[in-house]
């Protein structure tokens, strides 16, 4: 059984698709080969998935080049796309497959994104599988940390509206550093400058316990680094979902996005902080009202207190 899967573009969506993808292969009892196609970020997350034939990075700048590469993959029994775009519809149309299926987001309203992807797969195979926990495909070494290790992810790939102000992250990090915690900054290549501005706010005495990994981690590195954390503080982002897969205690700061769709899946040690404003969730990349109150009104003290509560809860449970 040969199966072609187009993964979601964004890291977080790719992580949230993992329970559905696991359920696909329950139908074939190990008798399958899979080829993944999608963004490099998505493919990197699945690079250690079992029985991969091919990982095809879709460039998207030249659709004809992409179609040529897809054609070279040969014939498939199933071609499944987890993307709703018209471009993905074209990819499926020109794929050599007996059975072709495309995820359409509007068909699965009022569900968490994990449940949407899973319902999509159940519809294809006429099954009733429940979505399990988020999955990762790396071997995680045991990591012994002498001090409490706090991860901070101040960025978000979707847009500025999902980001808590940098000045508030600085104040929060300062509180942790003054309590002799180790703090690690995370982020992608596009967030190097913004993380450096945060890092540069601290004097040399405090910087000795502050590590800046922004733009320095592969997806495998990111998984391993997050696995070693005592606590993770983040906006609605891809790394937030990796932390959920790893069951890391997490404080999730939500602004313009729908927490009912993209909050952490099956992570019991997760606290969501948000303001219940009439303009939420707007789902915009920048605040259409110009005030960004959904993030600006979230107080540093509230985030710090919720963080301490989670750390204390973890200590009790250990």
C-alpha atoms as a PDB file:
ATOM      1  CA  UNK A   1       0.000   0.000   0.000  1.00  0.00           C
ATOM      2  CA  UNK A   2       1.561   3.283  -1.159  1.00  0.00           C
ATOM      3  CA  UNK A   3       0.236   6.469   0.436  1.00  0.00           C
ATOM      4  CA  UNK A   4       1.027  10.095  -0.421  1.00  0.00           C
ATOM      5  CA  UNK A   5       0.347  12.701   2.287  1.00  0.00           C
ATOM      6  CA  UNK A   6       0.581  16.466   1.954  1.00  0.00           C
ATOM      7  CA  UNK A   7       1.249  17.830   5.433  1.00  0.00           C
ATOM      8  CA  UNK A   8      -0.065  21.141   6.793  1.00  0.00           C
ATOM      9  CA  UNK A   9       2.335  24.010   6.116  1.00  0.00           C
ATOM     10  CA  UNK A  10       2.724  25.337   9.654  1.00  0.00           C
ATOM     11  CA  UNK A  11       4.615  23.471  12.360  1.00  0.00           C
ATOM     12  CA  UNK A  12       1.753  23.675  14.867  1.00  0.00           C
ATOM     13  CA  UNK A  13      -0.791  22.303  12.401  1.00  0.00           C
ATOM     14  CA  UNK A  14       1.578  19.497  11.441  1.00  0.00           C
ATOM     15  CA  UNK A  15       1.902  18.515  15.104  1.00  0.00           C
ATOM     16  CA  UNK A  16      -1.885  18.652  15.518  1.00  0.00           C
ATOM     17  CA  UNK A  17      -2.317  16.401  12.479  1.00  0.00           C
ATOM     18  CA  UNK A  18      -0.209  13.650  14.061  1.00  0.00           C
ATOM     19  CA  UNK A  19      -3.071  11.744  15.799  1.00  0.00           C
ATOM     20  CA  UNK A  20      -5.000  11.617  12.507  1.00  0.00           C
ATOM     21  CA  UNK A  21      -1.926  10.470  10.587  1.00  0.00           C
ATOM     22  CA  UNK A  22      -1.323   7.713  13.123  1.00  0.00           C
ATOM     23  CA  UNK A  23      -4.949   6.643  12.647  1.00  0.00           C
ATOM     24  CA  UNK A  24      -4.524   6.425   8.856  1.00  0.00           C
ATOM     25  CA  UNK A  25      -2.048   3.603   9.231  1.00  0.00           C
ATOM     26  CA  UNK A  26      -4.157   1.590  11.668  1.00  0.00           C
ATOM     27  CA  UNK A  27      -6.065   0.508   8.566  1.00  0.00           C
ATOM     28  CA  UNK A  28      -3.077  -1.215   6.947  1.00  0.00           C
ATOM     29  CA  UNK A  29      -1.545  -3.248   9.811  1.00  0.00           C
ATOM     30  CA  UNK A  30       1.992  -2.244   8.926  1.00  0.00           C
ATOM     31  CA  UNK A  31       1.594  -3.006   5.213  1.00  0.00           C
ATOM     32  CA  UNK A  32       2.310   0.451   3.788  1.00  0.00           C
ATOM     33  CA  UNK A  33       4.908   2.874   2.461  1.00  0.00           C
ATOM     34  CA  UNK A  34       4.360   6.597   2.913  1.00  0.00           C
ATOM     35  CA  UNK A  35       5.648   9.618   1.013  1.00  0.00           C
ATOM     36  CA  UNK A  36       5.247  13.018   2.632  1.00  0.00           C
ATOM     37  CA  UNK A  37       5.232  16.335   0.805  1.00  0.00           C
ATOM     38  CA  UNK A  38       4.970  19.853   2.209  1.00  0.00           C
ATOM     39  CA  UNK A  39       7.046  22.613   3.754  1.00  0.00           C
ATOM     40  CA  UNK A  40      10.546  21.817   4.996  1.00  0.00           C
ATOM     41  CA  UNK A  41       9.431  22.566   8.555  1.00  0.00           C
ATOM     42  CA  UNK A  42       6.578  20.059   8.381  1.00  0.00           C
ATOM     43  CA  UNK A  43       8.757  17.407   6.746  1.00  0.00           C
ATOM     44  CA  UNK A  44      11.461  17.868   9.373  1.00  0.00           C
ATOM     45  CA  UNK A  45       8.917  17.125  12.098  1.00  0.00           C
ATOM     46  CA  UNK A  46       8.013  13.803  10.419  1.00  0.00           C
ATOM     47  CA  UNK A  47      11.501  12.860   9.229  1.00  0.00           C
ATOM     48  CA  UNK A  48      11.691   9.846  11.583  1.00  0.00           C
ATOM     49  CA  UNK A  49       8.191   8.557  10.885  1.00  0.00           C
ATOM     50  CA  UNK A  50       8.290   4.808  10.102  1.00  0.00           C
ATOM     51  CA  UNK A  51       8.350   3.469   6.532  1.00  0.00           C
ATOM     52  CA  UNK A  52       8.971   6.730   4.667  1.00  0.00           C
ATOM     53  CA  UNK A  53       9.798   6.318   0.964  1.00  0.00           C
ATOM     54  CA  UNK A  54      10.198   9.998   0.062  1.00  0.00           C
ATOM     55  CA  UNK A  55      10.080  13.453   1.634  1.00  0.00           C
ATOM     56  CA  UNK A  56       9.289  16.044  -1.049  1.00  0.00           C
ATOM     57  CA  UNK A  57       9.746  19.711  -0.173  1.00  0.00           C
ATOM     58  CA  UNK A  58       7.178  21.757  -2.110  1.00  0.00           C
ATOM     59  CA  UNK A  59       8.783  25.008  -3.263  1.00  0.00           C
ATOM     60  CA  UNK A  60       5.446  26.660  -4.208  1.00  0.00           C
ATOM     61  CA  UNK A  61       7.209  29.421  -6.152  1.00  0.00           C
ATOM     62  CA  UNK A  62       7.003  27.262  -9.259  1.00  0.00           C
ATOM     63  CA  UNK A  63       3.920  25.050  -9.274  1.00  0.00           C
ATOM     64  CA  UNK A  64       4.994  23.359 -12.508  1.00  0.00           C
ATOM     65  CA  UNK A  65       8.274  22.286 -10.886  1.00  0.00           C
ATOM     66  CA  UNK A  66       6.314  20.908  -7.923  1.00  0.00           C
ATOM     67  CA  UNK A  67       3.936  19.016 -10.207  1.00  0.00           C
ATOM     68  CA  UNK A  68       6.862  17.530 -12.095  1.00  0.00           C
ATOM     69  CA  UNK A  69       8.390  16.287  -8.834  1.00  0.00           C
ATOM     70  CA  UNK A  70       5.067  14.844  -7.669  1.00  0.00           C
ATOM     71  CA  UNK A  71       4.686  13.017 -10.980  1.00  0.00           C
ATOM     72  CA  UNK A  72       8.095  11.390 -10.491  1.00  0.00           C
ATOM     73  CA  UNK A  73       6.881   9.798  -7.236  1.00  0.00           C
ATOM     74  CA  UNK A  74       4.826   7.280  -9.225  1.00  0.00           C
ATOM     75  CA  UNK A  75       1.474   5.673  -8.481  1.00  0.00           C
ATOM     76  CA  UNK A  76      -0.232   5.667  -5.096  1.00  0.00           C
ATOM     77  CA  UNK A  77      -3.212   3.863  -3.621  1.00  0.00           C
ATOM     78  CA  UNK A  78      -4.166   6.974  -1.640  1.00  0.00           C
ATOM     79  CA  UNK A  79      -3.257  10.654  -1.964  1.00  0.00           C
ATOM     80  CA  UNK A  80      -4.350  12.705   1.062  1.00  0.00           C
ATOM     81  CA  UNK A  81      -3.876  16.430   1.580  1.00  0.00           C
ATOM     82  CA  UNK A  82      -4.258  18.100   4.980  1.00  0.00           C
ATOM     83  CA  UNK A  83      -4.360  21.524   3.294  1.00  0.00           C
ATOM     84  CA  UNK A  84      -7.480  23.322   2.044  1.00  0.00           C
ATOM     85  CA  UNK A  85      -5.806  25.532  -0.552  1.00  0.00           C
ATOM     86  CA  UNK A  86      -6.553  25.611  -4.277  1.00  0.00           C
ATOM     87  CA  UNK A  87      -2.877  24.873  -4.952  1.00  0.00           C
ATOM     88  CA  UNK A  88      -3.216  21.640  -2.948  1.00  0.00           C
ATOM     89  CA  UNK A  89      -6.273  20.745  -4.999  1.00  0.00           C
ATOM     90  CA  UNK A  90      -4.094  21.026  -8.106  1.00  0.00           C
ATOM     91  CA  UNK A  91      -1.388  18.890  -6.503  1.00  0.00           C
ATOM     92  CA  UNK A  92      -3.955  16.166  -5.789  1.00  0.00           C
ATOM     93  CA  UNK A  93      -5.489  16.397  -9.266  1.00  0.00           C
ATOM     94  CA  UNK A  94      -2.144  15.725 -10.938  1.00  0.00           C
ATOM     95  CA  UNK A  95      -0.989  13.071  -8.475  1.00  0.00           C
ATOM     96  CA  UNK A  96      -1.092   9.494  -9.703  1.00  0.00           C
ATOM     97  CA  UNK A  97      -3.499   7.950  -7.241  1.00  0.00           C
ATOM     98  CA  UNK A  98      -6.591   5.774  -7.281  1.00  0.00           C
ATOM     99  CA  UNK A  99      -8.122   7.632  -4.311  1.00  0.00           C
ATOM    100  CA  UNK A 100      -7.687  11.362  -3.664  1.00  0.00           C
ATOM    101  CA  UNK A 101      -8.909  13.300  -0.633  1.00  0.00           C
ATOM    102  CA  UNK A 102      -8.469  16.937   0.423  1.00  0.00           C
ATOM    103  CA  UNK A 103      -9.119  18.379   3.873  1.00  0.00           C
ATOM    104  CA  UNK A 104     -11.655  21.241   3.776  1.00  0.00           C
ATOM    105  CA  UNK A 105     -11.661  23.232   6.990  1.00  0.00           C
ATOM    106  CA  UNK A 106     -15.222  24.583   6.653  1.00  0.00           C
ATOM    107  CA  UNK A 107     -16.667  21.069   6.841  1.00  0.00           C
ATOM    108  CA  UNK A 108     -15.576  20.657  10.454  1.00  0.00           C
ATOM    109  CA  UNK A 109     -16.789  23.714  12.343  1.00  0.00           C
ATOM    110  CA  UNK A 110     -16.725  23.983  16.156  1.00  0.00           C
ATOM    111  CA  UNK A 111     -14.069  21.328  16.609  1.00  0.00           C
ATOM    112  CA  UNK A 112     -10.507  21.511  17.862  1.00  0.00           C
ATOM    113  CA  UNK A 113      -8.041  21.357  14.967  1.00  0.00           C
ATOM    114  CA  UNK A 114      -6.908  17.902  16.118  1.00  0.00           C
ATOM    115  CA  UNK A 115     -10.520  16.717  15.962  1.00  0.00           C
ATOM    116  CA  UNK A 116     -11.000  18.290  12.536  1.00  0.00           C
ATOM    117  CA  UNK A 117      -8.081  16.412  11.046  1.00  0.00           C
ATOM    118  CA  UNK A 118      -9.194  13.200  12.727  1.00  0.00           C
ATOM    119  CA  UNK A 119     -12.787  13.537  11.490  1.00  0.00           C
ATOM    120  CA  UNK A 120     -11.395  14.038   7.982  1.00  0.00           C
ATOM    121  CA  UNK A 121      -9.554  10.710   8.200  1.00  0.00           C
ATOM    122  CA  UNK A 122     -12.566   8.905   9.675  1.00  0.00           C
ATOM    123  CA  UNK A 123     -14.651  10.152   6.748  1.00  0.00           C
ATOM    124  CA  UNK A 124     -12.135   8.793   4.242  1.00  0.00           C
ATOM    125  CA  UNK A 125     -11.875   5.319   5.713  1.00  0.00           C
ATOM    126  CA  UNK A 126     -15.357   5.037   7.266  1.00  0.00           C
ATOM    127  CA  UNK A 127     -13.811   4.507  10.697  1.00  0.00           C
ATOM    128  CA  UNK A 128     -14.543   5.813  14.180  1.00  0.00           C
ATOM    129  CA  UNK A 129     -11.047   6.252  15.584  1.00  0.00           C
ATOM    130  CA  UNK A 130     -10.647   8.686  18.460  1.00  0.00           C
ATOM    131  CA  UNK A 131      -7.811  11.202  18.259  1.00  0.00           C
ATOM    132  CA  UNK A 132      -4.994  10.173  20.562  1.00  0.00           C
ATOM    133  CA  UNK A 133      -2.260  12.382  22.036  1.00  0.00           C
ATOM    134  CA  UNK A 134      -0.003  14.507  19.864  1.00  0.00           C
ATOM    135  CA  UNK A 135       2.945  12.486  18.611  1.00  0.00           C
ATOM    136  CA  UNK A 136       6.626  13.227  18.086  1.00  0.00           C
ATOM    137  CA  UNK A 137       9.127  10.990  16.317  1.00  0.00           C
ATOM    138  CA  UNK A 138      12.457  11.707  18.010  1.00  0.00           C
ATOM    139  CA  UNK A 139      14.363   9.679  20.592  1.00  0.00           C
ATOM    140  CA  UNK A 140      14.463  11.930  23.653  1.00  0.00           C
ATOM    141  CA  UNK A 141      17.504  11.411  25.898  1.00  0.00           C
ATOM    142  CA  UNK A 142      17.147  11.663  29.657  1.00  0.00           C
ATOM    143  CA  UNK A 143      18.121  15.171  30.648  1.00  0.00           C
ATOM    144  CA  UNK A 144      19.042  16.026  34.222  1.00  0.00           C
ATOM    145  CA  UNK A 145      18.767  19.749  34.916  1.00  0.00           C
ATOM    146  CA  UNK A 146      20.208  20.984  38.207  1.00  0.00           C
ATOM    147  CA  UNK A 147      18.303  24.266  38.176  1.00  0.00           C
ATOM    148  CA  UNK A 148      14.760  24.942  37.094  1.00  0.00           C
ATOM    149  CA  UNK A 149      14.846  25.451  33.333  1.00  0.00           C
ATOM    150  CA  UNK A 150      12.271  27.897  31.960  1.00  0.00           C
ATOM    151  CA  UNK A 151      11.607  28.087  28.228  1.00  0.00           C
ATOM    152  CA  UNK A 152      10.359  31.353  26.727  1.00  0.00           C
ATOM    153  CA  UNK A 153       8.988  31.535  23.178  1.00  0.00           C
ATOM    154  CA  UNK A 154       8.156  35.219  22.537  1.00  0.00           C
ATOM    155  CA  UNK A 155       7.426  34.983  18.810  1.00  0.00           C
ATOM    156  CA  UNK A 156       4.678  33.556  16.608  1.00  0.00           C
ATOM    157  CA  UNK A 157       4.920  32.818  12.899  1.00  0.00           C
ATOM    158  CA  UNK A 158       1.301  33.763  12.153  1.00  0.00           C
ATOM    159  CA  UNK A 159       1.763  37.461  12.818  1.00  0.00           C
ATOM    160  CA  UNK A 160       2.353  40.322  15.234  1.00  0.00           C
ATOM    161  CA  UNK A 161      -1.126  40.085  16.791  1.00  0.00           C
ATOM    162  CA  UNK A 162      -0.290  36.724  18.421  1.00  0.00           C
ATOM    163  CA  UNK A 163       2.734  38.165  20.230  1.00  0.00           C
ATOM    164  CA  UNK A 164       2.740  39.386  23.806  1.00  0.00           C
ATOM    165  CA  UNK A 165       4.780  42.642  23.984  1.00  0.00           C
ATOM    166  CA  UNK A 166       8.549  42.171  24.185  1.00  0.00           C
ATOM    167  CA  UNK A 167       8.785  44.603  27.115  1.00  0.00           C
ATOM    168  CA  UNK A 168       6.532  42.309  29.141  1.00  0.00           C
ATOM    169  CA  UNK A 169       8.640  39.279  28.269  1.00  0.00           C
ATOM    170  CA  UNK A 170      11.690  41.216  29.511  1.00  0.00           C
ATOM    171  CA  UNK A 171      10.003  41.912  32.856  1.00  0.00           C
ATOM    172  CA  UNK A 172       8.883  38.298  33.170  1.00  0.00           C
ATOM    173  CA  UNK A 173      12.323  36.875  32.339  1.00  0.00           C
ATOM    174  CA  UNK A 174      13.940  39.244  34.851  1.00  0.00           C
ATOM    175  CA  UNK A 175      11.773  37.785  37.620  1.00  0.00           C
ATOM    176  CA  UNK A 176      12.845  34.262  36.783  1.00  0.00           C
ATOM    177  CA  UNK A 177      16.531  35.168  36.507  1.00  0.00           C
ATOM    178  CA  UNK A 178      16.540  36.936  39.854  1.00  0.00           C
ATOM    179  CA  UNK A 179      15.194  33.717  41.424  1.00  0.00           C
ATOM    180  CA  UNK A 180      18.240  31.836  40.076  1.00  0.00           C
ATOM    181  CA  UNK A 181      16.362  30.014  37.295  1.00  0.00           C
ATOM    182  CA  UNK A 182      17.922  29.145  33.957  1.00  0.00           C
ATOM    183  CA  UNK A 183      15.949  30.720  31.093  1.00  0.00           C
ATOM    184  CA  UNK A 184      16.109  29.668  27.437  1.00  0.00           C
ATOM    185  CA  UNK A 185      14.836  31.859  24.589  1.00  0.00           C
ATOM    186  CA  UNK A 186      13.347  30.022  21.602  1.00  0.00           C
ATOM    187  CA  UNK A 187      12.332  31.246  18.160  1.00  0.00           C
ATOM    188  CA  UNK A 188      12.778  30.832  14.435  1.00  0.00           C
ATOM    189  CA  UNK A 189      15.179  32.517  12.044  1.00  0.00           C
ATOM    190  CA  UNK A 190      12.764  35.406  11.462  1.00  0.00           C
ATOM    191  CA  UNK A 191      12.752  36.198  15.193  1.00  0.00           C
ATOM    192  CA  UNK A 192      16.514  36.486  15.718  1.00  0.00           C
ATOM    193  CA  UNK A 193      16.468  40.288  15.901  1.00  0.00           C
ATOM    194  CA  UNK A 194      13.492  40.493  18.279  1.00  0.00           C
ATOM    195  CA  UNK A 195      14.998  37.886  20.626  1.00  0.00           C
ATOM    196  CA  UNK A 196      18.351  39.683  20.577  1.00  0.00           C
ATOM    197  CA  UNK A 197      16.622  42.883  21.682  1.00  0.00           C
ATOM    198  CA  UNK A 198      15.148  40.982  24.622  1.00  0.00           C
ATOM    199  CA  UNK A 199      18.503  39.340  25.435  1.00  0.00           C
ATOM    200  CA  UNK A 200      20.355  42.670  25.278  1.00  0.00           C
ATOM    201  CA  UNK A 201      18.122  44.178  27.972  1.00  0.00           C
ATOM    202  CA  UNK A 202      19.937  42.183  30.669  1.00  0.00           C
ATOM    203  CA  UNK A 203      23.283  42.946  32.287  1.00  0.00           C
ATOM    204  CA  UNK A 204      26.141  40.441  32.261  1.00  0.00           C
ATOM    205  CA  UNK A 205      25.316  39.194  35.739  1.00  0.00           C
ATOM    206  CA  UNK A 206      21.823  38.063  34.707  1.00  0.00           C
ATOM    207  CA  UNK A 207      22.829  36.943  31.207  1.00  0.00           C
ATOM    208  CA  UNK A 208      24.925  34.114  32.641  1.00  0.00           C
ATOM    209  CA  UNK A 209      21.630  32.264  33.288  1.00  0.00           C
ATOM    210  CA  UNK A 210      19.967  33.315  30.010  1.00  0.00           C
ATOM    211  CA  UNK A 211      20.507  31.227  26.873  1.00  0.00           C
ATOM    212  CA  UNK A 212      19.371  32.472  23.468  1.00  0.00           C
ATOM    213  CA  UNK A 213      18.648  29.601  21.049  1.00  0.00           C
ATOM    214  CA  UNK A 214      16.603  31.701  18.618  1.00  0.00           C
ATOM    215  CA  UNK A 215      17.368  30.651  15.049  1.00  0.00           C
ATOM    216  CA  UNK A 216      19.856  28.030  16.239  1.00  0.00           C
ATOM    217  CA  UNK A 217      17.711  24.897  16.475  1.00  0.00           C
ATOM    218  CA  UNK A 218      16.570  22.380  13.914  1.00  0.00           C
ATOM    219  CA  UNK A 219      13.156  20.796  14.508  1.00  0.00           C
ATOM    220  CA  UNK A 220      14.915  17.811  16.125  1.00  0.00           C
ATOM    221  CA  UNK A 221      16.920  20.170  18.330  1.00  0.00           C
ATOM    222  CA  UNK A 222      13.775  22.057  19.264  1.00  0.00           C
ATOM    223  CA  UNK A 223      12.006  18.876  20.361  1.00  0.00           C
ATOM    224  CA  UNK A 224      14.961  17.787  22.490  1.00  0.00           C
ATOM    225  CA  UNK A 225      15.423  21.229  24.054  1.00  0.00           C
ATOM    226  CA  UNK A 226      11.745  21.609  24.934  1.00  0.00           C
ATOM    227  CA  UNK A 227      11.737  18.090  26.417  1.00  0.00           C
ATOM    228  CA  UNK A 228      14.256  19.227  29.065  1.00  0.00           C
ATOM    229  CA  UNK A 229      12.180  22.172  30.321  1.00  0.00           C
ATOM    230  CA  UNK A 230      10.559  22.535  33.725  1.00  0.00           C
ATOM    231  CA  UNK A 231       8.122  25.053  32.232  1.00  0.00           C
ATOM    232  CA  UNK A 232       7.351  26.572  28.836  1.00  0.00           C
ATOM    233  CA  UNK A 233       5.813  30.037  28.332  1.00  0.00           C
ATOM    234  CA  UNK A 234       4.594  30.782  24.829  1.00  0.00           C
ATOM    235  CA  UNK A 235       1.979  32.310  22.611  1.00  0.00           C
ATOM    236  CA  UNK A 236      -0.200  30.266  20.250  1.00  0.00           C
ATOM    237  CA  UNK A 237       2.607  28.740  18.171  1.00  0.00           C
ATOM    238  CA  UNK A 238       4.147  25.600  16.741  1.00  0.00           C
ATOM    239  CA  UNK A 239       6.517  25.115  19.701  1.00  0.00           C
ATOM    240  CA  UNK A 240       3.466  25.306  21.991  1.00  0.00           C
ATOM    241  CA  UNK A 241       2.108  22.158  20.322  1.00  0.00           C
ATOM    242  CA  UNK A 242       5.490  20.424  20.565  1.00  0.00           C
ATOM    243  CA  UNK A 243       5.388  21.131  24.315  1.00  0.00           C
ATOM    244  CA  UNK A 244       1.913  19.567  24.403  1.00  0.00           C
ATOM    245  CA  UNK A 245       3.187  16.437  22.653  1.00  0.00           C
ATOM    246  CA  UNK A 246       5.977  16.228  25.235  1.00  0.00           C
ATOM    247  CA  UNK A 247       3.591  16.921  28.166  1.00  0.00           C
ATOM    248  CA  UNK A 248       5.670  19.892  29.338  1.00  0.00           C
ATOM    249  CA  UNK A 249       3.938  22.244  31.836  1.00  0.00           C
ATOM    250  CA  UNK A 250       2.945  25.224  29.685  1.00  0.00           C
ATOM    251  CA  UNK A 251       1.568  28.716  30.129  1.00  0.00           C
ATOM    252  CA  UNK A 252      -0.120  29.612  26.820  1.00  0.00           C
ATOM    253  CA  UNK A 253      -0.826  33.291  26.142  1.00  0.00           C
ATOM    254  CA  UNK A 254      -3.739  33.685  23.731  1.00  0.00           C
ATOM    255  CA  UNK A 255      -4.875  36.834  21.951  1.00  0.00           C
ATOM    256  CA  UNK A 256      -6.618  36.937  18.539  1.00  0.00           C
ATOM    257  CA  UNK A 257      -6.853  33.188  17.852  1.00  0.00           C
ATOM    258  CA  UNK A 258      -9.518  30.606  18.786  1.00  0.00           C
ATOM    259  CA  UNK A 259      -8.330  28.660  21.806  1.00  0.00           C
ATOM    260  CA  UNK A 260     -11.156  26.161  21.223  1.00  0.00           C
ATOM    261  CA  UNK A 261      -9.400  25.182  17.968  1.00  0.00           C
ATOM    262  CA  UNK A 262      -5.683  25.589  18.638  1.00  0.00           C
ATOM    263  CA  UNK A 263      -5.079  25.255  22.387  1.00  0.00           C
ATOM    264  CA  UNK A 264      -2.796  22.488  23.611  1.00  0.00           C
ATOM    265  CA  UNK A 265      -4.252  19.030  23.033  1.00  0.00           C
ATOM    266  CA  UNK A 266      -4.327  16.584  25.980  1.00  0.00           C
ATOM    267  CA  UNK A 267      -1.734  18.357  28.121  1.00  0.00           C
ATOM    268  CA  UNK A 268      -3.089  18.361  31.667  1.00  0.00           C
ATOM    269  CA  UNK A 269      -0.378  20.720  32.923  1.00  0.00           C
ATOM    270  CA  UNK A 270      -1.402  23.628  30.732  1.00  0.00           C
ATOM    271  CA  UNK A 271      -2.721  27.037  31.734  1.00  0.00           C
ATOM    272  CA  UNK A 272      -4.272  29.406  29.192  1.00  0.00           C
ATOM    273  CA  UNK A 273      -4.130  33.144  29.836  1.00  0.00           C
ATOM    274  CA  UNK A 274      -6.357  35.411  27.791  1.00  0.00           C
ATOM    275  CA  UNK A 275      -8.682  38.415  28.094  1.00  0.00           C
ATOM    276  CA  UNK A 276     -12.340  37.850  27.333  1.00  0.00           C
ATOM    277  CA  UNK A 277     -12.818  40.863  25.074  1.00  0.00           C
ATOM    278  CA  UNK A 278     -15.742  41.357  22.700  1.00  0.00           C
ATOM    279  CA  UNK A 279     -13.304  41.684  19.789  1.00  0.00           C
ATOM    280  CA  UNK A 280     -11.794  38.239  20.434  1.00  0.00           C
ATOM    281  CA  UNK A 281     -11.061  36.169  18.468  1.00  0.00           C
ATOM    282  CA  UNK A 282     -10.552  38.356  15.416  1.00  0.00           C
ATOM    283  CA  UNK A 283      -8.126  35.904  13.728  1.00  0.00           C
ATOM    284  CA  UNK A 284      -6.162  38.810  12.221  1.00  0.00           C
ATOM    285  CA  UNK A 285      -2.385  39.040  11.805  1.00  0.00           C
ATOM    286  CA  UNK A 286      -2.404  42.621  13.088  1.00  0.00           C
ATOM    287  CA  UNK A 287      -4.943  44.245  15.407  1.00  0.00           C
ATOM    288  CA  UNK A 288      -7.709  45.752  13.214  1.00  0.00           C
ATOM    289  CA  UNK A 289      -8.643  48.184  16.031  1.00  0.00           C
ATOM    290  CA  UNK A 290      -5.091  49.396  16.565  1.00  0.00           C
ATOM    291  CA  UNK A 291      -4.957  48.853  20.347  1.00  0.00           C
ATOM    292  CA  UNK A 292      -3.938  45.163  20.620  1.00  0.00           C
ATOM    293  CA  UNK A 293      -5.679  45.000  23.996  1.00  0.00           C
ATOM    294  CA  UNK A 294      -6.074  41.225  23.839  1.00  0.00           C
ATOM    295  CA  UNK A 295      -2.330  41.042  24.506  1.00  0.00           C
ATOM    296  CA  UNK A 296      -1.506  44.424  26.040  1.00  0.00           C
ATOM    297  CA  UNK A 297      -3.957  43.937  28.922  1.00  0.00           C
ATOM    298  CA  UNK A 298      -2.353  40.656  30.025  1.00  0.00           C
ATOM    299  CA  UNK A 299      -0.252  41.526  33.068  1.00  0.00           C
ATOM    300  CA  UNK A 300       3.256  40.266  33.810  1.00  0.00           C
ATOM    301  CA  UNK A 301       2.297  39.422  37.392  1.00  0.00           C
ATOM    302  CA  UNK A 302      -0.556  37.199  36.189  1.00  0.00           C
ATOM    303  CA  UNK A 303       1.737  35.233  33.871  1.00  0.00           C
ATOM    304  CA  UNK A 304       4.394  34.916  36.566  1.00  0.00           C
ATOM    305  CA  UNK A 305       1.905  33.694  39.173  1.00  0.00           C
ATOM    306  CA  UNK A 306       0.409  31.101  36.803  1.00  0.00           C
ATOM    307  CA  UNK A 307       3.943  29.971  35.973  1.00  0.00           C
ATOM    308  CA  UNK A 308       4.807  29.508  39.634  1.00  0.00           C
ATOM    309  CA  UNK A 309       1.564  27.591  40.197  1.00  0.00           C
ATOM    310  CA  UNK A 310       2.473  25.137  37.423  1.00  0.00           C
ATOM    311  CA  UNK A 311       6.038  24.695  38.694  1.00  0.00           C
ATOM    312  CA  UNK A 312       4.732  24.014  42.191  1.00  0.00           C
ATOM    313  CA  UNK A 313       2.137  21.581  40.835  1.00  0.00           C
ATOM    314  CA  UNK A 314       4.844  19.677  38.952  1.00  0.00           C
ATOM    315  CA  UNK A 315       6.952  19.483  42.120  1.00  0.00           C
ATOM    316  CA  UNK A 316       4.004  18.019  44.039  1.00  0.00           C
ATOM    317  CA  UNK A 317       3.314  15.429  41.314  1.00  0.00           C
ATOM    318  CA  UNK A 318       6.909  14.226  41.040  1.00  0.00           C
END
